[in-house]
Amino acid sequence: MHSKGKFFAASVGAAVLLAACGSKSAATTTTTAKASTTTTTAAPTYALTGLPQVPGGPNPNRPPLMVKIDNAPQAWPQSGIDHADVVYEEQVEGGLTRYMVVFQSQDAAKVGPIRSIRGTDAALAAQTGGLIAYSGGIPTFIADVQATGVVDVGANLAGSAYYRDYSRPAPHNLYSSTAALYKAAGGRGSTPHALFAYDKPGTSEPAGVSKSATSFTIEISGAVTDTWTYNPANSDWTKSINGTQVTTTSGSPITATNVIIEYVNYVNTGFVDPAGNPVPEAQLVGSGNAEVAFGGRIAAAKWAKSSPSAVPVYTYSDGRPVRVLPGRTWVIFAPIGASLTVQP
């Protein structure tokens, strides 16, 4: 239109020619402009895994959901762990371990068996935020967890979200689902934040501080020894307990992209379980030694946590920050002095 107006006084033949040329030029310009301004919007990233949102996946801003899951042999196989973003493994009474499983980027139709909380869990709740699901517990431990500000969707307050699977023995038969627990929260809960620093896929630990590992074994207690075996095809570690590979009820092996061992001090809380066993509590605030494993390698590291609500900071032995791979991260709270054996 501008070209045609500019040359209106010219001959009709010239005007037609110029108008045609002007139209062609405008079309070319528009096409070029479109091409130059075309951008690709990256998918949102999940804070707890460092992985991008898949089409139709859960909202990356929904609250993290912590669920306390049984790990006594009577509880095997468990449900839902293969959909978790983060798993914490802590020692409880009798030398057994129990999991705090954190969901956010995936859902699980069946989660459990769900068990009671321990003193260790208040610091985990404080640093993670969101929602927490559990079967009950010593009133002191419940009060400490609630004081962190997390949304309590435990069985005492959200009983309709739970059910018993009577094909399994009590108390190892209480279950729920991520959908039911999120529904019980009624939209409450804080948005997620990163618990680890992430690196690009395919990265290995910094040279000079790590060594090759086909597997490693950590003796958490006299009753529980974890072995993690590297699977190069999937770039992850497969978990065994006391020499037995563990799976979920779906048949999926329990795996993790990253495994972090924090050596922590356990103290006696002064409480005992029904069998008379002392109830221990891991001291998660402070600092200590650690091991970090991913990509078929393992490296000595340090951990530091300045307050219950602070996210732990991990550094290699040479002071460089630890950046794990995007994916599921498993953190083991092993007692100071626990035996670690690495197979190259």
Protein backbone atom coordinates (compact mmCIF):
# COMPACT_ATOMS: atom_id res chain seq x y z
CA MET A 1 0.00 0.00 0.00
CA HIS A 2 2.85 2.47 0.75
CA SER A 3 4.60 1.76 -2.59
CA LYS A 4 1.38 2.13 -4.51
CA GLY A 5 0.62 5.48 -2.84
CA LYS A 6 4.12 6.82 -3.44
CA PHE A 7 4.07 6.18 -7.16
CA PHE A 8 0.40 7.02 -7.89
CA ALA A 9 1.29 9.66 -10.51
CA ALA A 10 3.22 7.22 -12.62
CA SER A 11 1.72 5.29 -15.53
CA VAL A 12 -0.80 2.62 -14.80
CA GLY A 13 1.51 -0.09 -16.14
CA ALA A 14 4.37 1.11 -13.93
CA ALA A 15 2.06 1.41 -10.94
CA VAL A 16 0.84 -2.12 -11.41
CA LEU A 17 4.39 -3.39 -11.77
CA LEU A 18 5.62 -1.52 -8.72
CA ALA A 19 2.60 -2.59 -6.69
CA ALA A 20 3.26 -6.20 -7.58
CA CYS A 21 6.91 -5.85 -6.63
CA GLY A 22 5.93 -4.07 -3.45
CA SER A 23 3.58 -6.89 -2.46
CA LYS A 24 6.23 -9.49 -3.10
CA SER A 25 8.75 -7.53 -1.02
CA ALA A 26 6.30 -7.15 1.87
CA ALA A 27 5.56 -10.85 1.87
CA THR A 28 9.26 -11.62 1.94
CA THR A 29 9.83 -9.15 4.74
CA THR A 30 6.99 -10.62 6.81
CA THR A 31 8.27 -14.14 6.33
CA THR A 32 11.77 -13.07 7.32
CA ALA A 33 10.45 -11.22 10.35
CA LYS A 34 8.50 -14.27 11.48
CA ALA A 35 11.51 -16.52 11.07
CA SER A 36 13.76 -14.15 13.02
CA THR A 37 11.36 -13.84 15.96
CA THR A 38 10.41 -17.51 16.28
CA THR A 39 11.45 -18.82 19.70
CA THR A 40 11.13 -22.17 21.45
CA THR A 41 9.84 -22.03 25.01
CA ALA A 42 11.59 -24.52 27.25
CA ALA A 43 9.39 -26.76 29.37
CA PRO A 44 9.24 -25.82 33.06
CA THR A 45 11.65 -27.73 35.28
CA TYR A 46 10.71 -29.67 38.41
CA ALA A 47 12.58 -28.32 41.40
CA LEU A 48 13.08 -31.69 43.12
CA THR A 49 14.51 -33.56 40.12
CA GLY A 50 15.90 -30.93 37.76
CA LEU A 51 13.96 -32.62 34.95
CA PRO A 52 11.62 -30.82 32.52
CA GLN A 53 7.87 -31.19 32.76
CA VAL A 54 6.48 -33.82 30.41
CA PRO A 55 3.35 -32.91 28.40
CA GLY A 56 0.36 -33.25 30.69
CA GLY A 57 2.56 -33.79 33.75
CA PRO A 58 1.75 -32.43 37.21
CA ASN A 59 2.02 -28.72 37.84
CA PRO A 60 5.69 -27.89 38.56
CA ASN A 61 4.52 -25.44 41.24
CA ARG A 62 2.36 -27.84 43.24
CA PRO A 63 3.56 -28.51 46.80
CA PRO A 64 5.95 -31.37 47.54
CA LEU A 65 4.26 -34.29 49.29
CA MET A 66 6.26 -36.14 51.95
CA VAL A 67 5.08 -39.63 52.90
CA LYS A 68 6.55 -41.79 55.66
CA ILE A 69 6.95 -45.32 54.27
CA ASP A 70 7.72 -48.54 56.13
CA ASN A 71 10.88 -50.50 55.35
CA ALA A 72 10.55 -53.49 57.68
CA PRO A 73 10.76 -56.81 55.79
CA GLN A 74 7.03 -57.32 56.44
CA ALA A 75 6.39 -54.17 54.41
CA TRP A 76 8.08 -55.45 51.25
CA PRO A 77 7.33 -54.85 48.46
CA GLN A 78 6.35 -51.23 48.93
CA SER A 79 4.21 -49.13 46.61
CA GLY A 80 4.92 -45.80 44.98
CA ILE A 81 8.64 -45.41 45.65
CA ASP A 82 9.40 -45.76 41.94
CA HIS A 83 7.43 -42.53 41.35
CA ALA A 84 9.20 -40.48 44.01
CA ASP A 85 11.50 -37.51 43.36
CA VAL A 86 13.53 -37.77 46.56
CA VAL A 87 13.88 -40.51 49.19
CA TYR A 88 15.48 -40.14 52.62
CA GLU A 89 16.48 -43.31 54.47
CA GLU A 90 16.84 -43.00 58.23
CA GLN A 91 17.58 -45.43 61.03
CA VAL A 92 14.78 -46.16 63.49
CA GLU A 93 14.46 -48.44 66.51
CA GLY A 94 15.76 -51.98 66.36
CA GLY A 95 18.31 -51.02 63.68
CA LEU A 96 15.66 -50.96 60.95
CA THR A 97 15.32 -48.10 58.50
CA ARG A 98 12.32 -46.10 57.37
CA TYR A 99 11.81 -43.85 54.36
CA MET A 100 10.63 -40.29 53.96
CA VAL A 101 9.49 -40.34 50.34
CA VAL A 102 8.90 -37.04 48.54
CA PHE A 103 6.55 -36.78 45.54
CA GLN A 104 6.06 -33.77 43.31
CA SER A 105 6.75 -34.42 39.61
CA GLN A 106 4.88 -37.73 39.44
CA ASP A 107 1.78 -39.31 40.93
CA ALA A 108 1.36 -42.77 42.43
CA ALA A 109 -1.98 -44.59 42.57
CA LYS A 110 -0.90 -46.56 45.64
CA VAL A 111 1.56 -45.35 48.27
CA GLY A 112 2.70 -47.31 51.30
CA PRO A 113 2.74 -49.01 53.67
CA ILE A 114 2.52 -45.69 55.51
CA ARG A 115 3.95 -45.57 59.02
CA SER A 116 4.59 -43.13 61.86
CA ILE A 117 7.02 -40.24 61.99
CA ARG A 118 10.19 -39.92 64.07
CA GLY A 119 12.18 -37.08 65.58
CA THR A 120 14.43 -36.96 62.52
CA ASP A 121 11.50 -35.93 60.35
CA ALA A 122 11.03 -32.41 61.74
CA ALA A 123 14.24 -31.21 60.05
CA LEU A 124 13.21 -32.91 56.79
CA ALA A 125 9.79 -31.27 56.94
CA ALA A 126 11.33 -27.86 57.69
CA GLN A 127 13.71 -27.97 54.71
CA THR A 128 11.19 -29.42 52.24
CA GLY A 129 7.88 -27.74 53.07
CA GLY A 130 4.62 -28.71 51.41
CA LEU A 131 2.54 -31.58 52.79
CA ILE A 132 3.33 -34.50 55.08
CA ALA A 133 1.49 -37.84 55.35
CA TYR A 134 2.03 -40.41 58.09
CA SER A 135 0.11 -42.85 60.26
CA GLY A 136 0.68 -41.19 63.63
CA GLY A 137 3.53 -41.04 66.10
CA ILE A 138 4.73 -39.92 69.50
CA PRO A 139 2.95 -36.61 70.30
CA THR A 140 6.28 -34.78 70.75
CA PHE A 141 7.39 -35.76 67.25
CA ILE A 142 4.03 -34.78 65.74
CA ALA A 143 4.15 -31.38 67.45
CA ASP A 144 7.69 -30.78 66.20
CA VAL A 145 6.69 -31.57 62.62
CA GLN A 146 3.56 -29.41 62.77
CA ALA A 147 5.60 -26.52 64.18
CA THR A 148 7.56 -26.37 60.90
CA GLY A 149 4.47 -25.04 59.11
CA VAL A 150 3.97 -27.99 56.76
CA VAL A 151 0.41 -29.02 55.95
CA ASP A 152 -0.48 -32.09 58.01
CA VAL A 153 -2.40 -34.66 55.95
CA GLY A 154 -1.60 -37.47 58.35
CA ALA A 155 -4.07 -40.23 59.16
CA ASN A 156 -5.20 -38.49 62.35
CA LEU A 157 -6.39 -35.39 60.47
CA ALA A 158 -7.13 -36.77 56.99
CA GLY A 159 -8.35 -40.28 57.77
CA SER A 160 -10.62 -40.53 54.71
CA ALA A 161 -7.54 -40.36 52.47
CA TYR A 162 -6.23 -43.66 53.89
CA TYR A 163 -7.27 -47.29 53.67
CA ARG A 164 -6.16 -50.72 54.88
CA ASP A 165 -5.03 -53.49 52.54
CA TYR A 166 -6.18 -56.50 54.53
CA SER A 167 -4.21 -58.90 52.37
CA ARG A 168 -1.19 -57.70 54.33
CA PRO A 169 -0.48 -57.87 58.07
CA ALA A 170 -1.06 -54.85 60.31
CA PRO A 171 0.53 -52.40 60.93
CA HIS A 172 2.22 -52.81 57.55
CA ASN A 173 -0.99 -52.32 55.55
CA LEU A 174 -1.97 -48.63 55.62
CA TYR A 175 -2.07 -46.99 52.17
CA SER A 176 -3.12 -43.91 50.29
CA SER A 177 -2.48 -42.28 46.91
CA THR A 178 -0.90 -39.00 45.91
CA ALA A 179 -4.27 -37.88 44.48
CA ALA A 180 -6.09 -38.54 47.76
CA LEU A 181 -3.42 -36.80 49.83
CA TYR A 182 -3.31 -33.73 47.59
CA LYS A 183 -7.11 -33.60 47.74
CA ALA A 184 -7.00 -33.75 51.53
CA ALA A 185 -4.71 -30.70 51.52
CA GLY A 186 -7.41 -28.63 49.80
CA GLY A 187 -4.95 -26.57 47.79
CA ARG A 188 -2.80 -25.69 50.78
CA GLY A 189 0.97 -26.04 50.82
CA SER A 190 4.09 -24.16 49.80
CA THR A 191 5.61 -24.25 46.34
CA PRO A 192 8.69 -26.46 45.88
CA HIS A 193 12.28 -25.31 45.94
CA ALA A 194 15.44 -27.14 44.90
CA LEU A 195 17.01 -29.43 47.50
CA PHE A 196 20.11 -30.11 45.38
CA ALA A 197 22.19 -28.38 42.73
CA TYR A 198 21.95 -30.07 39.34
CA ASP A 199 24.39 -30.54 36.51
CA LYS A 200 23.87 -31.49 32.87
CA PRO A 201 23.07 -35.14 32.04
CA GLY A 202 26.18 -37.17 31.30
CA THR A 203 28.37 -35.22 33.71
CA SER A 204 30.56 -37.12 36.16
CA GLU A 205 32.14 -36.00 39.42
CA PRO A 206 35.11 -33.65 39.12
CA ALA A 207 38.33 -35.38 38.20
CA GLY A 208 40.67 -36.10 41.06
CA VAL A 209 38.04 -36.58 43.77
CA SER A 210 35.98 -39.52 42.47
CA LYS A 211 36.62 -43.15 41.64
CA SER A 212 34.87 -45.71 39.49
CA ALA A 213 32.22 -47.82 41.22
CA THR A 214 30.26 -50.75 39.82
CA SER A 215 28.61 -51.02 43.24
CA PHE A 216 28.97 -49.86 46.81
CA THR A 217 27.72 -51.22 50.13
CA ILE A 218 26.90 -49.17 53.21
CA GLU A 219 26.20 -50.84 56.56
CA ILE A 220 23.53 -48.62 58.11
CA SER A 221 23.07 -50.85 61.15
CA GLY A 222 23.50 -54.41 62.29
CA ALA A 223 20.09 -55.11 60.76
CA VAL A 224 20.27 -53.21 57.46
CA THR A 225 23.00 -53.14 54.83
CA ASP A 226 22.28 -51.34 51.55
CA THR A 227 24.02 -52.23 48.31
CA TRP A 228 23.69 -50.03 45.24
CA THR A 229 24.72 -51.45 41.86
CA TYR A 230 25.28 -49.22 38.86
CA ASN A 231 23.25 -49.87 35.70
CA PRO A 232 25.01 -48.14 32.77
CA ALA A 233 22.06 -48.72 30.43
CA ASN A 234 19.83 -46.50 32.56
CA SER A 235 22.56 -44.42 34.23
CA ASP A 236 21.14 -45.24 37.65
CA TRP A 237 21.75 -47.33 40.77
CA THR A 238 19.67 -50.36 41.77
CA LYS A 239 19.09 -51.01 45.46
CA SER A 240 19.48 -54.25 47.42
CA ILE A 241 18.95 -54.77 51.14
CA ASN A 242 20.96 -57.44 52.93
CA GLY A 243 21.79 -59.01 49.57
CA THR A 244 18.22 -59.07 48.24
CA GLN A 245 17.26 -56.81 45.36
CA VAL A 246 14.13 -54.92 46.34
CA THR A 247 11.25 -54.02 44.05
CA THR A 248 7.94 -52.22 44.31
CA THR A 249 4.57 -53.96 44.05
CA SER A 250 4.57 -53.06 40.34
CA GLY A 251 7.70 -55.18 39.93
CA SER A 252 9.91 -52.16 39.26
CA PRO A 253 13.32 -52.21 40.93
CA ILE A 254 14.00 -49.45 43.43
CA THR A 255 16.51 -47.17 41.73
CA ALA A 256 18.08 -43.74 42.05
CA THR A 257 20.03 -41.52 39.68
CA ASN A 258 22.03 -40.11 42.59
CA VAL A 259 22.84 -41.61 45.98
CA ILE A 260 24.15 -39.41 48.80
CA ILE A 261 25.39 -40.84 52.07
CA GLU A 262 25.42 -38.39 54.98
CA TYR A 263 27.32 -39.59 58.04
CA VAL A 264 25.35 -38.22 60.97
CA ASN A 265 25.22 -38.55 64.72
CA TYR A 266 22.26 -40.49 66.14
CA VAL A 267 21.07 -39.68 69.66
CA ASN A 268 18.68 -41.47 71.99
CA THR A 269 15.40 -39.53 72.22
CA GLY A 270 14.48 -41.13 75.53
CA PHE A 271 11.44 -42.78 73.98
CA VAL A 272 11.04 -46.52 73.38
CA ASP A 273 8.88 -48.53 70.98
CA PRO A 274 6.35 -51.15 72.17
CA ALA A 275 9.11 -53.76 72.19
CA GLY A 276 11.24 -51.60 74.47
CA ASN A 277 13.77 -50.57 71.81
CA PRO A 278 15.20 -47.03 72.15
CA VAL A 279 13.99 -44.60 69.48
CA PRO A 280 16.96 -42.83 67.83
CA GLU A 281 17.05 -39.46 66.11
CA ALA A 282 19.51 -38.33 63.44
CA GLN A 283 21.12 -34.94 64.04
CA LEU A 284 20.67 -33.28 60.65
CA VAL A 285 21.78 -29.77 61.61
CA GLY A 286 25.55 -29.33 61.61
CA SER A 287 28.15 -30.74 59.27
CA GLY A 288 30.00 -33.92 58.52
CA ASN A 289 31.42 -36.29 55.95
CA ALA A 290 29.50 -37.63 52.98
CA GLU A 291 29.78 -39.75 49.85
CA VAL A 292 28.15 -38.83 46.56
CA ALA A 293 27.51 -41.39 43.81
CA PHE A 294 26.23 -40.88 40.28
CA GLY A 295 27.24 -41.79 36.75
CA GLY A 296 29.10 -44.94 37.86
CA ARG A 297 31.44 -43.05 40.17
CA ILE A 298 31.60 -42.23 43.88
CA ALA A 299 33.33 -39.32 45.59
CA ALA A 300 34.13 -38.22 49.12
CA ALA A 301 32.29 -35.05 50.10
CA LYS A 302 31.11 -32.89 52.99
CA TRP A 303 27.60 -31.91 54.06
CA ALA A 304 26.53 -28.83 56.03
CA LYS A 305 23.10 -27.71 57.24
CA SER A 306 22.95 -24.48 59.22
CA SER A 307 19.39 -24.72 60.58
CA PRO A 308 16.37 -27.06 60.43
CA SER A 309 14.86 -25.11 57.54
CA ALA A 310 18.14 -24.73 55.61
CA VAL A 311 18.79 -26.90 52.56
CA PRO A 312 21.95 -28.99 53.02
CA VAL A 313 25.01 -27.84 51.11
CA TYR A 314 27.29 -30.52 49.65
CA THR A 315 30.90 -29.93 48.63
CA TYR A 316 33.60 -32.26 47.35
CA SER A 317 36.74 -32.89 49.36
CA ASP A 318 38.55 -30.23 47.31
CA GLY A 319 35.89 -27.62 48.14
CA ARG A 320 34.05 -27.57 44.84
CA PRO A 321 30.22 -27.68 45.06
CA VAL A 322 28.45 -30.96 44.34
CA ARG A 323 26.07 -30.84 41.40
CA VAL A 324 24.12 -34.07 40.98
CA LEU A 325 22.44 -35.32 37.82
CA PRO A 326 18.78 -34.56 37.07
CA GLY A 327 16.64 -37.42 38.35
CA ARG A 328 15.73 -39.19 41.60
CA THR A 329 18.07 -38.58 44.53
CA TRP A 330 18.33 -41.00 47.48
CA VAL A 331 19.86 -39.72 50.72
CA ILE A 332 21.01 -42.20 53.38
CA PHE A 333 21.55 -40.98 56.93
CA ALA A 334 24.24 -43.43 58.01
CA PRO A 335 25.69 -43.35 61.53
CA ILE A 336 29.18 -41.90 61.87
CA GLY A 337 31.67 -44.70 61.37
CA ALA A 338 29.37 -46.85 59.23
CA SER A 339 31.32 -49.23 57.00
CA LEU A 340 31.43 -48.39 53.27
CA THR A 341 32.78 -50.86 50.70
CA VAL A 342 33.22 -49.85 47.05
CA GLN A 343 33.61 -52.28 44.16
CA PRO A 344 35.49 -50.63 41.26
